[in-house]
Protein backbone atom coordinates (compact mmCIF):
# COMPACT_ATOMS: atom_id res chain seq x y z
CA GLU A 1 -0.13 0.07 -0.01
CA VAL A 2 1.32 3.45 -1.04
CA GLN A 3 1.17 6.12 1.69
CA PHE A 4 2.29 9.61 1.97
CA VAL A 5 2.87 11.09 5.35
CA GLU A 6 3.42 14.87 5.71
CA SER A 7 5.12 16.51 8.89
CA GLY A 8 6.95 19.57 10.02
CA GLY A 9 3.89 21.90 10.16
CA GLY A 10 3.60 24.25 13.09
CA LEU A 11 2.69 27.63 14.43
CA VAL A 12 5.62 30.17 13.69
CA GLN A 13 5.87 34.09 13.38
CA ALA A 14 6.17 35.92 10.36
CA GLY A 15 9.56 35.98 8.79
CA GLU A 16 10.66 32.60 10.49
CA SER A 17 11.19 29.23 8.77
CA LEU A 18 9.78 25.69 8.62
CA ARG A 19 10.84 22.52 6.94
CA LEU A 20 7.90 20.10 5.77
CA SER A 21 8.59 16.53 4.91
CA CYS A 22 6.59 13.88 3.04
CA ALA A 23 7.78 10.44 3.52
CA ALA A 24 6.63 7.88 1.06
CA SER A 25 6.22 4.16 1.78
CA GLY A 26 5.71 1.92 -1.05
CA PHE A 27 6.28 4.01 -3.54
CA THR A 28 9.38 5.70 -5.16
CA PHE A 29 9.42 9.35 -7.14
CA ASN A 30 11.24 7.96 -10.16
CA ASP A 31 8.59 8.25 -12.85
CA TYR A 32 6.39 11.05 -11.40
CA ALA A 33 5.88 14.58 -10.64
CA ILE A 34 5.83 15.32 -6.82
CA GLY A 35 4.47 18.32 -5.69
CA TRP A 36 3.21 20.41 -2.25
CA PHE A 37 -0.25 22.03 -2.52
CA ARG A 38 -1.77 24.04 0.13
CA GLN A 39 -5.27 25.09 0.98
CA ALA A 40 -6.06 27.90 3.18
CA PRO A 41 -9.21 28.46 4.96
CA GLY A 42 -12.02 29.51 2.66
CA LYS A 43 -9.81 29.23 -0.72
CA GLU A 44 -9.37 26.65 -3.25
CA ARG A 45 -6.36 24.38 -3.20
CA GLU A 46 -3.45 25.70 -5.18
CA GLY A 47 0.04 24.25 -6.02
CA VAL A 48 3.03 25.54 -4.40
CA SER A 49 5.80 23.56 -6.14
CA TRP A 50 6.86 20.59 -7.76
CA ILE A 51 9.76 18.40 -8.51
CA SER A 52 10.57 15.85 -11.08
CA GLY A 53 11.49 12.58 -9.63
CA HIS A 54 13.20 11.74 -12.72
CA ASP A 55 15.58 14.77 -13.46
CA GLY A 56 14.94 16.82 -10.39
CA ARG A 57 13.59 19.69 -12.30
CA THR A 58 11.61 21.93 -9.96
CA PHE A 59 8.98 24.72 -10.35
CA TYR A 60 7.42 27.21 -8.11
CA ALA A 61 4.38 29.38 -7.57
CA ASP A 62 5.26 33.01 -7.89
CA SER A 63 3.76 33.35 -4.24
CA VAL A 64 6.76 31.43 -3.07
CA LYS A 65 9.58 31.71 -5.37
CA GLY A 66 12.58 32.95 -4.00
CA ARG A 67 11.44 31.76 -0.16
CA PHE A 68 10.54 28.19 -0.47
CA THR A 69 12.92 25.22 -1.84
CA ILE A 70 11.78 21.98 -2.83
CA SER A 71 13.95 18.85 -2.83
CA MET A 72 13.95 15.06 -2.56
CA ASP A 73 16.57 12.61 -0.72
CA ASN A 74 18.65 10.55 -2.84
CA ALA A 75 16.62 7.71 -2.22
CA LYS A 76 13.39 9.19 -3.87
CA THR A 77 11.14 8.33 -1.01
CA THR A 78 11.07 11.55 0.86
CA LEU A 79 9.93 14.91 -0.43
CA TYR A 80 10.83 18.24 1.54
CA LEU A 81 9.97 21.83 1.23
CA GLN A 82 12.02 24.47 2.92
CA MET A 83 10.02 27.52 3.65
CA ASN A 84 11.68 30.71 4.36
CA ASN A 85 10.51 34.18 5.45
CA LEU A 86 7.07 32.94 6.04
CA LYS A 87 4.36 35.41 5.63
CA PRO A 88 0.58 35.38 6.96
CA ASP A 89 -0.89 34.31 3.70
CA ASP A 90 1.37 31.23 3.83
CA THR A 91 -1.21 29.65 6.65
CA ALA A 92 -2.96 26.68 5.12
CA ASP A 93 -2.99 22.98 5.03
CA TYR A 94 -0.01 21.71 3.02
CA TYR A 95 -0.60 18.51 1.11
CA CYS A 96 2.12 16.51 -0.89
CA GLY A 97 0.99 14.47 -3.91
CA ALA A 98 2.04 12.55 -7.00
CA TRP A 99 1.01 12.36 -10.55
CA SER A 100 2.23 10.62 -13.76
CA TRP A 101 3.89 13.02 -16.19
CA ALA A 102 1.15 12.02 -18.90
CA TYR A 103 -0.86 14.52 -17.35
CA GLY A 104 2.20 17.14 -17.96
CA MET A 105 1.55 20.53 -15.64
CA GLY A 106 -2.47 20.00 -15.49
CA PRO A 107 -2.73 18.39 -11.86
CA PHE A 108 -0.41 21.19 -10.53
CA VAL A 109 -2.10 24.25 -12.49
CA SER A 110 -5.34 23.04 -11.24
CA GLY A 111 -4.53 22.68 -7.60
CA GLY A 112 -4.44 18.94 -7.70
CA SER A 113 -8.28 18.80 -8.92
CA TYR A 114 -7.21 16.15 -11.48
CA GLY A 115 -4.71 13.59 -12.47
CA MET A 116 -3.40 13.00 -8.84
CA GLU A 117 -2.63 9.48 -8.16
CA TYR A 118 -1.44 9.70 -4.51
CA TRP A 119 -1.98 12.39 -1.72
CA GLY A 120 -0.74 12.89 1.68
CA LYS A 121 -3.42 13.95 4.55
CA GLY A 122 -1.63 17.24 5.05
CA THR A 123 0.01 19.25 7.78
CA LEU A 124 -0.92 22.51 8.96
CA VAL A 125 1.23 25.55 8.67
CA THR A 126 0.14 28.53 10.92
CA VAL A 127 1.96 32.00 10.54
CA SER A 128 1.21 34.72 12.85
CA SER A 129 1.64 38.29 12.10
């Protein structure tokens, strides 16, 4: 059984940092895109960042570019999101998920509304001002 488990969320003040982790069991990232998504209260889920399990290419939403860094471990079973200079607008539930490259960027752009094969249950990040 494939499982994705996020961790690392918490309550921080604006300007501080957090590092999220997403541990995958029964799965390796090799042939997938793996991304972080978030959903703030009252808002739709949005894509934050993705990384290619095949070649390590990365992509960031404009709202987090320059502040967040996505990475994965050498075994390609754990995904990370280093979040620096956090802002109150970053407050959300953060989810990791994976999709096949057959869907291209669609799952990310759509906020994970289609094409997703695996999801974690999320970790809450709260940034106070």
